[in-house]
Amino acid sequence: MATGIDGTTLAQGRPFLKWAGGKTQLLAQYAELLPTLSDLATYHEPFLGSGAVFFHARARAIIPGRAILSDVNEHLMTTWRVVRDQPEALAARAAELETGHSKERYYVERERFNTQPLDELERAALVIYLNKAGFNGLYRVNRDGGFNVPVGRRSGKSASLGIPSADHLAGCARALAGADLLCAPFTTVLDRARPGDFVYFDPPYMPISDTAAFTDYACEGFGRREQEMLRDIAVQLSERGVLVMISNSGNFELLRLYDGFEVSRVSARRNINSKADSRGPVTEVVIRNYR
């Protein structure tokens, strides 16, 4: 078990959400690509999602010191804060939602999530429930910002949704102790990152083809302009002496944006496509400003 900067034990938390493009399956390949930070360095992750890389790095003392985790999705960041601060109550409420689950109930709860004022605990519980009961762990919104993912298929009437247990969330809370959790756009990392820090970016990927795009994670979308902004930020951070690592697709045009950076290829299996014969292994890239 790793220890943190203050000598306390760091829990080996693990993701509590399913997430399209999540990195759990890639952690073994990432092991040799992540740097080891000093006790004085801060870890930044501006596209947090399920946080698989954060939990992995925290458990292995790659992050011995401070962590600043952020995302533009305010419902996601509310959920992370409740996991950190109220894990037991959150686990209990999410379990209640699982007990009452049905296809019809899913759409009732989705409507309530989109239209009703809710306290943070209830909103976080609904994020977990909708994530586990929805199709393929997608978080997709319409132009008005409404969550619109359909209910997922279950293998049997008694099949579990996989709602995280109280012990699971307690481990996540311990790993998050002292972490700053912010709802903020990725561009604001420039306001926080200092020389010697490490920033891991996992943005919505640039599509490999015109039909492969998935950028509806936020109602503003994430297109080529945003990809170019991210490249510019990576360059500015590099000039500042900040370590940078970026996950993305193997799109040729994307790689041209990062001329001069170190590029490593990794293999992943992606299952977002609704057609089973269109799923399978794909090559992704990890872009770094260090070796």
C-alpha atoms as a PDB file:
ATOM      1  CA  MET A   1       0.000   0.000   0.000  1.00  0.00           C
ATOM      2  CA  ALA A   2       1.388   3.393  -0.970  1.00  0.00           C
ATOM      3  CA  THR A   3       1.779   6.330   1.383  1.00  0.00           C
ATOM      4  CA  GLY A   4       1.074   9.952   0.673  1.00  0.00           C
ATOM      5  CA  ILE A   5       3.062  13.129   1.253  1.00  0.00           C
ATOM      6  CA  ASP A   6       1.888  13.342   4.879  1.00  0.00           C
ATOM      7  CA  GLY A   7       2.683   9.684   5.602  1.00  0.00           C
ATOM      8  CA  THR A   8      -0.954   8.541   5.519  1.00  0.00           C
ATOM      9  CA  THR A   9      -1.959   5.381   3.689  1.00  0.00           C
ATOM     10  CA  LEU A  10      -3.438   5.831   0.231  1.00  0.00           C
ATOM     11  CA  ALA A  11      -6.426   3.582  -0.526  1.00  0.00           C
ATOM     12  CA  GLN A  12      -6.414   1.672  -3.774  1.00  0.00           C
ATOM     13  CA  GLY A  13      -9.665   3.141  -5.065  1.00  0.00           C
ATOM     14  CA  ARG A  14     -11.061   2.149  -8.445  1.00  0.00           C
ATOM     15  CA  PRO A  15     -13.602   3.699 -10.812  1.00  0.00           C
ATOM     16  CA  PHE A  16     -17.186   3.836  -9.533  1.00  0.00           C
ATOM     17  CA  LEU A  17     -18.659   4.750 -12.939  1.00  0.00           C
ATOM     18  CA  LYS A  18     -18.657   3.084 -16.342  1.00  0.00           C
ATOM     19  CA  TRP A  19     -17.312   5.546 -18.888  1.00  0.00           C
ATOM     20  CA  ALA A  20     -17.124   5.563 -22.666  1.00  0.00           C
ATOM     21  CA  GLY A  21     -13.439   5.625 -23.549  1.00  0.00           C
ATOM     22  CA  GLY A  22     -12.447   4.769 -19.965  1.00  0.00           C
ATOM     23  CA  LYS A  23      -8.843   3.754 -19.413  1.00  0.00           C
ATOM     24  CA  THR A  24      -9.132   0.770 -17.030  1.00  0.00           C
ATOM     25  CA  GLN A  25      -8.262  -1.727 -19.765  1.00  0.00           C
ATOM     26  CA  LEU A  26      -5.190   0.314 -20.755  1.00  0.00           C
ATOM     27  CA  LEU A  27      -3.568   0.719 -17.342  1.00  0.00           C
ATOM     28  CA  ALA A  28      -1.062  -2.088 -17.883  1.00  0.00           C
ATOM     29  CA  GLN A  29       0.097  -0.398 -21.102  1.00  0.00           C
ATOM     30  CA  TYR A  30       0.168   3.015 -19.415  1.00  0.00           C
ATOM     31  CA  ALA A  31       2.358   1.756 -16.547  1.00  0.00           C
ATOM     32  CA  GLU A  32       5.588   2.423 -18.451  1.00  0.00           C
ATOM     33  CA  LEU A  33       4.362   5.744 -19.853  1.00  0.00           C
ATOM     34  CA  LEU A  34       3.435   7.545 -16.629  1.00  0.00           C
ATOM     35  CA  PRO A  35       6.133   9.563 -14.859  1.00  0.00           C
ATOM     36  CA  THR A  36       6.923   9.267 -11.158  1.00  0.00           C
ATOM     37  CA  LEU A  37       6.208  12.571  -9.461  1.00  0.00           C
ATOM     38  CA  SER A  38       8.081  14.206  -6.621  1.00  0.00           C
ATOM     39  CA  ASP A  39       6.312  14.877  -3.325  1.00  0.00           C
ATOM     40  CA  LEU A  40       6.096  18.559  -4.251  1.00  0.00           C
ATOM     41  CA  ALA A  41       4.487  18.051  -7.649  1.00  0.00           C
ATOM     42  CA  THR A  42       0.750  18.310  -8.304  1.00  0.00           C
ATOM     43  CA  TYR A  43      -1.212  15.909 -10.508  1.00  0.00           C
ATOM     44  CA  HIS A  44      -3.850  17.544 -12.752  1.00  0.00           C
ATOM     45  CA  GLU A  45      -6.558  15.724 -14.705  1.00  0.00           C
ATOM     46  CA  PRO A  46      -8.868  18.153 -16.572  1.00  0.00           C
ATOM     47  CA  PHE A  47     -11.094  15.552 -18.339  1.00  0.00           C
ATOM     48  CA  LEU A  48     -11.797  13.419 -15.299  1.00  0.00           C
ATOM     49  CA  GLY A  49     -14.495  10.956 -16.430  1.00  0.00           C
ATOM     50  CA  SER A  50     -14.232   7.761 -14.379  1.00  0.00           C
ATOM     51  CA  GLY A  51     -10.759   8.642 -13.091  1.00  0.00           C
ATOM     52  CA  ALA A  52      -9.152   5.273 -13.866  1.00  0.00           C
ATOM     53  CA  VAL A  53      -5.696   6.769 -14.391  1.00  0.00           C
ATOM     54  CA  PHE A  54      -5.969   8.849 -11.205  1.00  0.00           C
ATOM     55  CA  PHE A  55      -6.888   5.842  -9.059  1.00  0.00           C
ATOM     56  CA  HIS A  56      -4.150   3.739 -10.673  1.00  0.00           C
ATOM     57  CA  ALA A  57      -1.497   6.393 -10.174  1.00  0.00           C
ATOM     58  CA  ARG A  58      -2.640   7.172  -6.627  1.00  0.00           C
ATOM     59  CA  ALA A  59      -2.437   3.549  -5.546  1.00  0.00           C
ATOM     60  CA  ARG A  60       1.093   3.208  -6.921  1.00  0.00           C
ATOM     61  CA  ALA A  61       2.422   6.414  -5.341  1.00  0.00           C
ATOM     62  CA  ILE A  62       2.841   8.048  -8.755  1.00  0.00           C
ATOM     63  CA  ILE A  63       0.766  10.790  -7.099  1.00  0.00           C
ATOM     64  CA  PRO A  64       2.260  11.124  -3.607  1.00  0.00           C
ATOM     65  CA  GLY A  65       1.184  14.726  -3.171  1.00  0.00           C
ATOM     66  CA  ARG A  66      -1.626  17.016  -4.257  1.00  0.00           C
ATOM     67  CA  ALA A  67      -4.195  16.209  -6.957  1.00  0.00           C
ATOM     68  CA  ILE A  68      -6.460  18.666  -8.780  1.00  0.00           C
ATOM     69  CA  LEU A  69      -9.212  16.838 -10.664  1.00  0.00           C
ATOM     70  CA  SER A  70     -11.625  18.687 -12.901  1.00  0.00           C
ATOM     71  CA  ASP A  71     -14.203  18.380 -15.646  1.00  0.00           C
ATOM     72  CA  VAL A  72     -16.654  20.693 -17.409  1.00  0.00           C
ATOM     73  CA  ASN A  73     -19.542  18.342 -16.514  1.00  0.00           C
ATOM     74  CA  GLU A  74     -20.975  19.779 -13.294  1.00  0.00           C
ATOM     75  CA  HIS A  75     -23.122  16.704 -12.518  1.00  0.00           C
ATOM     76  CA  LEU A  76     -20.050  14.496 -12.781  1.00  0.00           C
ATOM     77  CA  MET A  77     -18.034  16.736 -10.468  1.00  0.00           C
ATOM     78  CA  THR A  78     -20.910  16.897  -7.976  1.00  0.00           C
ATOM     79  CA  THR A  79     -20.825  13.089  -7.918  1.00  0.00           C
ATOM     80  CA  TRP A  80     -17.088  13.018  -7.280  1.00  0.00           C
ATOM     81  CA  ARG A  81     -17.471  15.477  -4.389  1.00  0.00           C
ATOM     82  CA  VAL A  82     -20.243  13.397  -2.818  1.00  0.00           C
ATOM     83  CA  VAL A  83     -18.121  10.248  -3.199  1.00  0.00           C
ATOM     84  CA  ARG A  84     -15.309  12.008  -1.368  1.00  0.00           C
ATOM     85  CA  ASP A  85     -17.467  13.542   1.369  1.00  0.00           C
ATOM     86  CA  GLN A  86     -20.513  11.237   1.809  1.00  0.00           C
ATOM     87  CA  PRO A  87     -19.595   7.769   0.496  1.00  0.00           C
ATOM     88  CA  GLU A  88     -21.775   5.756   2.892  1.00  0.00           C
ATOM     89  CA  ALA A  89     -24.936   7.805   2.333  1.00  0.00           C
ATOM     90  CA  LEU A  90     -24.360   7.790  -1.422  1.00  0.00           C
ATOM     91  CA  ALA A  91     -23.937   4.006  -1.557  1.00  0.00           C
ATOM     92  CA  ALA A  92     -27.169   3.521   0.392  1.00  0.00           C
ATOM     93  CA  ARG A  93     -29.223   5.822  -1.833  1.00  0.00           C
ATOM     94  CA  ALA A  94     -27.807   4.376  -5.075  1.00  0.00           C
ATOM     95  CA  ALA A  95     -28.635   0.870  -3.824  1.00  0.00           C
ATOM     96  CA  GLU A  96     -32.255   1.958  -3.253  1.00  0.00           C
ATOM     97  CA  LEU A  97     -32.465   3.132  -6.857  1.00  0.00           C
ATOM     98  CA  GLU A  98     -31.075  -0.186  -8.065  1.00  0.00           C
ATOM     99  CA  THR A  99     -33.665  -2.102  -6.030  1.00  0.00           C
ATOM    100  CA  GLY A 100     -36.485  -0.239  -7.783  1.00  0.00           C
ATOM    101  CA  HIS A 101     -34.989  -0.490 -11.248  1.00  0.00           C
ATOM    102  CA  SER A 102     -37.066  -1.292 -14.323  1.00  0.00           C
ATOM    103  CA  LYS A 103     -37.119   0.043 -17.857  1.00  0.00           C
ATOM    104  CA  GLU A 104     -40.066   2.264 -16.996  1.00  0.00           C
ATOM    105  CA  ARG A 105     -38.457   3.479 -13.763  1.00  0.00           C
ATOM    106  CA  TYR A 106     -35.261   4.381 -15.605  1.00  0.00           C
ATOM    107  CA  TYR A 107     -37.081   6.901 -17.789  1.00  0.00           C
ATOM    108  CA  VAL A 108     -38.934   8.354 -14.792  1.00  0.00           C
ATOM    109  CA  GLU A 109     -35.638   8.891 -12.986  1.00  0.00           C
ATOM    110  CA  ARG A 110     -33.984  10.287 -16.126  1.00  0.00           C
ATOM    111  CA  GLU A 111     -36.777  12.832 -16.435  1.00  0.00           C
ATOM    112  CA  ARG A 112     -36.441  13.762 -12.766  1.00  0.00           C
ATOM    113  CA  PHE A 113     -32.688  14.157 -13.196  1.00  0.00           C
ATOM    114  CA  ASN A 114     -33.203  16.524 -16.141  1.00  0.00           C
ATOM    115  CA  THR A 115     -36.049  18.635 -14.779  1.00  0.00           C
ATOM    116  CA  GLN A 116     -36.176  18.649 -10.976  1.00  0.00           C
ATOM    117  CA  PRO A 117     -34.107  20.600  -8.427  1.00  0.00           C
ATOM    118  CA  LEU A 118     -32.167  18.004  -6.432  1.00  0.00           C
ATOM    119  CA  ASP A 119     -29.729  18.146  -3.553  1.00  0.00           C
ATOM    120  CA  GLU A 120     -26.166  17.008  -4.218  1.00  0.00           C
ATOM    121  CA  LEU A 121     -26.596  13.571  -2.651  1.00  0.00           C
ATOM    122  CA  GLU A 122     -29.680  12.754  -4.737  1.00  0.00           C
ATOM    123  CA  ARG A 123     -28.124  14.091  -7.933  1.00  0.00           C
ATOM    124  CA  ALA A 124     -24.967  12.036  -7.364  1.00  0.00           C
ATOM    125  CA  ALA A 125     -27.020   8.899  -6.685  1.00  0.00           C
ATOM    126  CA  LEU A 126     -28.934   9.448  -9.919  1.00  0.00           C
ATOM    127  CA  VAL A 127     -25.709   9.963 -11.885  1.00  0.00           C
ATOM    128  CA  ILE A 128     -24.491   6.565 -10.662  1.00  0.00           C
ATOM    129  CA  TYR A 129     -27.851   4.863 -11.259  1.00  0.00           C
ATOM    130  CA  LEU A 130     -28.325   6.301 -14.772  1.00  0.00           C
ATOM    131  CA  ASN A 131     -24.723   5.488 -15.624  1.00  0.00           C
ATOM    132  CA  LYS A 132     -25.034   1.861 -14.546  1.00  0.00           C
ATOM    133  CA  ALA A 133     -28.520   1.317 -15.990  1.00  0.00           C
ATOM    134  CA  GLY A 134     -28.015   3.290 -19.215  1.00  0.00           C
ATOM    135  CA  PHE A 135     -26.594   2.088 -22.513  1.00  0.00           C
ATOM    136  CA  ASN A 136     -22.843   1.266 -22.427  1.00  0.00           C
ATOM    137  CA  GLY A 137     -21.951   3.798 -19.736  1.00  0.00           C
ATOM    138  CA  LEU A 138     -22.476   6.727 -22.087  1.00  0.00           C
ATOM    139  CA  TYR A 139     -22.900  10.257 -20.824  1.00  0.00           C
ATOM    140  CA  ARG A 140     -24.560  12.065 -23.714  1.00  0.00           C
ATOM    141  CA  VAL A 141     -26.616  15.263 -23.731  1.00  0.00           C
ATOM    142  CA  ASN A 142     -28.832  17.039 -26.231  1.00  0.00           C
ATOM    143  CA  ARG A 143     -28.475  20.662 -27.335  1.00  0.00           C
ATOM    144  CA  ASP A 144     -30.329  21.814 -24.240  1.00  0.00           C
ATOM    145  CA  GLY A 145     -27.959  19.920 -21.964  1.00  0.00           C
ATOM    146  CA  GLY A 146     -30.486  17.189 -21.125  1.00  0.00           C
ATOM    147  CA  PHE A 147     -29.153  13.687 -20.448  1.00  0.00           C
ATOM    148  CA  ASN A 148     -30.659  11.509 -23.208  1.00  0.00           C
ATOM    149  CA  VAL A 149     -29.007   8.072 -23.024  1.00  0.00           C
ATOM    150  CA  PRO A 150     -31.518   5.207 -23.427  1.00  0.00           C
ATOM    151  CA  VAL A 151     -31.843   2.381 -20.925  1.00  0.00           C
ATOM    152  CA  GLY A 152     -29.317  -0.414 -21.377  1.00  0.00           C
ATOM    153  CA  ARG A 153     -29.961  -4.081 -21.947  1.00  0.00           C
ATOM    154  CA  ARG A 154     -29.661  -6.484 -19.033  1.00  0.00           C
ATOM    155  CA  SER A 155     -28.807 -10.149 -19.393  1.00  0.00           C
ATOM    156  CA  GLY A 156     -31.577 -11.291 -17.072  1.00  0.00           C
ATOM    157  CA  LYS A 157     -34.343 -10.072 -14.819  1.00  0.00           C
ATOM    158  CA  SER A 158     -32.193 -10.430 -11.700  1.00  0.00           C
ATOM    159  CA  ALA A 159     -28.956  -9.143 -13.273  1.00  0.00           C
ATOM    160  CA  SER A 160     -27.163  -6.624 -11.073  1.00  0.00           C
ATOM    161  CA  LEU A 161     -26.565  -3.111 -12.342  1.00  0.00           C
ATOM    162  CA  GLY A 162     -23.182  -3.052 -10.622  1.00  0.00           C
ATOM    163  CA  ILE A 163     -23.969  -0.186  -8.255  1.00  0.00           C
ATOM    164  CA  PRO A 164     -20.796   0.414  -6.166  1.00  0.00           C
ATOM    165  CA  SER A 165     -20.904  -0.852  -2.586  1.00  0.00           C
ATOM    166  CA  ALA A 166     -20.269   1.196   0.536  1.00  0.00           C
ATOM    167  CA  ASP A 167     -16.795  -0.386   0.832  1.00  0.00           C
ATOM    168  CA  HIS A 168     -16.010   0.466  -2.774  1.00  0.00           C
ATOM    169  CA  LEU A 169     -16.979   4.124  -2.341  1.00  0.00           C
ATOM    170  CA  ALA A 170     -15.177   4.320   1.006  1.00  0.00           C
ATOM    171  CA  GLY A 171     -11.965   3.250  -0.756  1.00  0.00           C
ATOM    172  CA  CYS A 172     -12.539   5.930  -3.393  1.00  0.00           C
ATOM    173  CA  ALA A 173     -13.113   8.526  -0.665  1.00  0.00           C
ATOM    174  CA  ARG A 174      -9.811   7.633   0.993  1.00  0.00           C
ATOM    175  CA  ALA A 175      -7.975   7.951  -2.318  1.00  0.00           C
ATOM    176  CA  LEU A 176      -9.633  11.361  -2.816  1.00  0.00           C
ATOM    177  CA  ALA A 177      -8.756  12.717   0.624  1.00  0.00           C
ATOM    178  CA  GLY A 178      -7.233  16.156   0.138  1.00  0.00           C
ATOM    179  CA  ALA A 179      -7.916  16.251  -3.620  1.00  0.00           C
ATOM    180  CA  ASP A 180      -9.364  19.415  -5.130  1.00  0.00           C
ATOM    181  CA  LEU A 181     -12.447  18.700  -7.258  1.00  0.00           C
ATOM    182  CA  LEU A 182     -13.377  21.490  -9.662  1.00  0.00           C
ATOM    183  CA  CYS A 183     -16.021  22.057 -12.307  1.00  0.00           C
ATOM    184  CA  ALA A 184     -13.955  23.923 -14.881  1.00  0.00           C
ATOM    185  CA  PRO A 185     -13.047  23.841 -18.587  1.00  0.00           C
ATOM    186  CA  PHE A 186      -9.764  22.204 -19.539  1.00  0.00           C
ATOM    187  CA  THR A 187      -8.262  25.565 -20.535  1.00  0.00           C
ATOM    188  CA  THR A 188      -8.107  26.669 -16.887  1.00  0.00           C
ATOM    189  CA  VAL A 189      -5.332  24.167 -16.143  1.00  0.00           C
ATOM    190  CA  LEU A 190      -3.028  26.947 -17.346  1.00  0.00           C
ATOM    191  CA  ASP A 191      -4.041  28.926 -14.253  1.00  0.00           C
ATOM    192  CA  ARG A 192      -2.946  26.128 -11.913  1.00  0.00           C
ATOM    193  CA  ALA A 193      -0.108  24.029 -13.328  1.00  0.00           C
ATOM    194  CA  ARG A 194       3.403  24.876 -12.156  1.00  0.00           C
ATOM    195  CA  PRO A 195       6.873  23.684 -13.234  1.00  0.00           C
ATOM    196  CA  GLY A 196       7.393  20.073 -12.211  1.00  0.00           C
ATOM    197  CA  ASP A 197       3.645  19.273 -12.164  1.00  0.00           C
ATOM    198  CA  PHE A 198       2.062  16.575 -14.332  1.00  0.00           C
ATOM    199  CA  VAL A 199      -1.077  17.058 -16.439  1.00  0.00           C
ATOM    200  CA  TYR A 200      -2.925  14.085 -17.906  1.00  0.00           C
ATOM    201  CA  PHE A 201      -5.461  14.975 -20.625  1.00  0.00           C
ATOM    202  CA  ASP A 202      -8.062  12.446 -21.773  1.00  0.00           C
ATOM    203  CA  PRO A 203     -10.276  14.544 -24.082  1.00  0.00           C
ATOM    204  CA  PRO A 204     -13.105  13.381 -26.324  1.00  0.00           C
ATOM    205  CA  TYR A 205     -11.181  11.758 -29.160  1.00  0.00           C
ATOM    206  CA  MET A 206     -10.712  13.166 -32.619  1.00  0.00           C
ATOM    207  CA  PRO A 207     -12.701  10.747 -34.834  1.00  0.00           C
ATOM    208  CA  ILE A 208     -10.793   8.337 -37.035  1.00  0.00           C
ATOM    209  CA  SER A 209     -13.560   8.660 -39.667  1.00  0.00           C
ATOM    210  CA  ASP A 210     -16.473  11.006 -40.354  1.00  0.00           C
ATOM    211  CA  THR A 211     -18.906   8.501 -38.845  1.00  0.00           C
ATOM    212  CA  ALA A 212     -16.889   7.631 -35.736  1.00  0.00           C
ATOM    213  CA  ALA A 213     -17.330  10.871 -33.776  1.00  0.00           C
ATOM    214  CA  PHE A 214     -18.630  11.012 -30.230  1.00  0.00           C
ATOM    215  CA  THR A 215     -18.430  14.568 -28.919  1.00  0.00           C
ATOM    216  CA  ASP A 216     -21.819  15.049 -27.227  1.00  0.00           C
ATOM    217  CA  TYR A 217     -20.425  14.688 -23.712  1.00  0.00           C
ATOM    218  CA  ALA A 218     -21.203  18.388 -23.210  1.00  0.00           C
ATOM    219  CA  CYS A 219     -23.760  20.401 -25.148  1.00  0.00           C
ATOM    220  CA  GLU A 220     -20.936  22.595 -26.526  1.00  0.00           C
ATOM    221  CA  GLY A 221     -19.275  19.596 -28.202  1.00  0.00           C
ATOM    222  CA  PHE A 222     -15.555  19.024 -28.724  1.00  0.00           C
ATOM    223  CA  GLY A 223     -14.380  19.459 -32.289  1.00  0.00           C
ATOM    224  CA  ARG A 224     -11.225  20.308 -34.211  1.00  0.00           C
ATOM    225  CA  ARG A 225     -11.044  23.818 -32.788  1.00  0.00           C
ATOM    226  CA  GLU A 226     -10.974  22.400 -29.258  1.00  0.00           C
ATOM    227  CA  GLN A 227      -8.369  19.806 -30.292  1.00  0.00           C
ATOM    228  CA  GLU A 228      -6.160  22.627 -31.565  1.00  0.00           C
ATOM    229  CA  MET A 229      -6.694  24.579 -28.336  1.00  0.00           C
ATOM    230  CA  LEU A 230      -5.613  21.507 -26.385  1.00  0.00           C
ATOM    231  CA  ARG A 231      -2.443  21.227 -28.515  1.00  0.00           C
ATOM    232  CA  ASP A 232      -1.665  24.903 -27.865  1.00  0.00           C
ATOM    233  CA  ILE A 233      -2.106  24.380 -24.131  1.00  0.00           C
ATOM    234  CA  ALA A 234       0.189  21.337 -24.230  1.00  0.00           C
ATOM    235  CA  VAL A 235       2.859  23.480 -25.909  1.00  0.00           C
ATOM    236  CA  GLN A 236       2.479  26.266 -23.327  1.00  0.00           C
ATOM    237  CA  LEU A 237       2.687  23.792 -20.453  1.00  0.00           C
ATOM    238  CA  SER A 238       5.786  22.222 -21.981  1.00  0.00           C
ATOM    239  CA  GLU A 239       7.462  25.610 -22.215  1.00  0.00           C
ATOM    240  CA  ARG A 240       6.616  26.119 -18.530  1.00  0.00           C
ATOM    241  CA  GLY A 241       8.305  22.892 -17.483  1.00  0.00           C
ATOM    242  CA  VAL A 242       5.131  20.897 -16.854  1.00  0.00           C
ATOM    243  CA  LEU A 243       5.004  17.205 -17.778  1.00  0.00           C
ATOM    244  CA  VAL A 244       2.130  16.471 -20.193  1.00  0.00           C
ATOM    245  CA  MET A 245       0.485  13.220 -21.314  1.00  0.00           C
ATOM    246  CA  ILE A 246      -2.493  13.095 -23.697  1.00  0.00           C
ATOM    247  CA  SER A 247      -4.653  10.151 -24.783  1.00  0.00           C
ATOM    248  CA  ASN A 248      -6.338  10.314 -28.181  1.00  0.00           C
ATOM    249  CA  SER A 249      -7.178   8.419 -31.369  1.00  0.00           C
ATOM    250  CA  GLY A 250      -4.626   7.517 -34.007  1.00  0.00           C
ATOM    251  CA  ASN A 251      -6.071  10.096 -36.409  1.00  0.00           C
ATOM    252  CA  PHE A 252      -3.373  11.200 -38.875  1.00  0.00           C
ATOM    253  CA  GLU A 253      -4.405  14.860 -38.762  1.00  0.00           C
ATOM    254  CA  LEU A 254      -4.256  14.790 -34.970  1.00  0.00           C
ATOM    255  CA  LEU A 255      -0.710  13.418 -34.998  1.00  0.00           C
ATOM    256  CA  ARG A 256       0.348  16.246 -37.310  1.00  0.00           C
ATOM    257  CA  LEU A 257      -0.784  18.685 -34.613  1.00  0.00           C
ATOM    258  CA  TYR A 258       1.685  17.140 -32.175  1.00  0.00           C
ATOM    259  CA  ASP A 259       4.781  17.183 -34.341  1.00  0.00           C
ATOM    260  CA  GLY A 260       7.792  17.125 -32.000  1.00  0.00           C
ATOM    261  CA  PHE A 261       6.006  15.276 -29.173  1.00  0.00           C
ATOM    262  CA  GLU A 262       6.698  11.674 -28.192  1.00  0.00           C
ATOM    263  CA  VAL A 263       3.983   9.331 -29.556  1.00  0.00           C
ATOM    264  CA  SER A 264       3.319   5.800 -28.259  1.00  0.00           C
ATOM    265  CA  ARG A 265       0.643   3.457 -29.600  1.00  0.00           C
ATOM    266  CA  VAL A 266      -1.619   1.334 -27.413  1.00  0.00           C
ATOM    267  CA  SER A 267      -4.319  -1.203 -28.269  1.00  0.00           C
ATOM    268  CA  ALA A 268      -7.841  -0.892 -26.863  1.00  0.00           C
ATOM    269  CA  ARG A 269     -11.197  -2.545 -27.375  1.00  0.00           C
ATOM    270  CA  ARG A 270     -14.028  -0.044 -27.747  1.00  0.00           C
ATOM    271  CA  ASN A 271     -17.699  -1.007 -27.471  1.00  0.00           C
ATOM    272  CA  ILE A 272     -19.665   2.207 -28.046  1.00  0.00           C
ATOM    273  CA  ASN A 273     -21.046   1.128 -31.436  1.00  0.00           C
ATOM    274  CA  SER A 274     -24.527  -0.403 -31.132  1.00  0.00           C
ATOM    275  CA  LYS A 275     -23.588  -3.005 -33.796  1.00  0.00           C
ATOM    276  CA  ALA A 276     -21.547  -5.834 -32.297  1.00  0.00           C
ATOM    277  CA  ASP A 277     -19.704  -6.501 -35.561  1.00  0.00           C
ATOM    278  CA  SER A 278     -18.455  -2.887 -35.575  1.00  0.00           C
ATOM    279  CA  ARG A 279     -16.770  -3.233 -32.184  1.00  0.00           C
ATOM    280  CA  GLY A 280     -13.277  -4.521 -31.626  1.00  0.00           C
ATOM    281  CA  PRO A 281      -9.628  -3.617 -31.063  1.00  0.00           C
ATOM    282  CA  VAL A 282      -8.469  -0.181 -32.154  1.00  0.00           C
ATOM    283  CA  THR A 283      -5.125   1.579 -32.003  1.00  0.00           C
ATOM    284  CA  GLU A 284      -4.975   4.676 -29.827  1.00  0.00           C
ATOM    285  CA  VAL A 285      -2.058   6.969 -29.060  1.00  0.00           C
ATOM    286  CA  VAL A 286      -0.435   8.449 -25.991  1.00  0.00           C
ATOM    287  CA  ILE A 287       1.265  11.780 -26.659  1.00  0.00           C
ATOM    288  CA  ARG A 288       3.931  13.023 -24.225  1.00  0.00           C
ATOM    289  CA  ASN A 289       6.452  15.838 -23.898  1.00  0.00           C
ATOM    290  CA  TYR A 290       8.869  13.529 -22.037  1.00  0.00           C
ATOM    291  CA  ARG A 291      10.419  10.092 -22.610  1.00  0.00           C
END
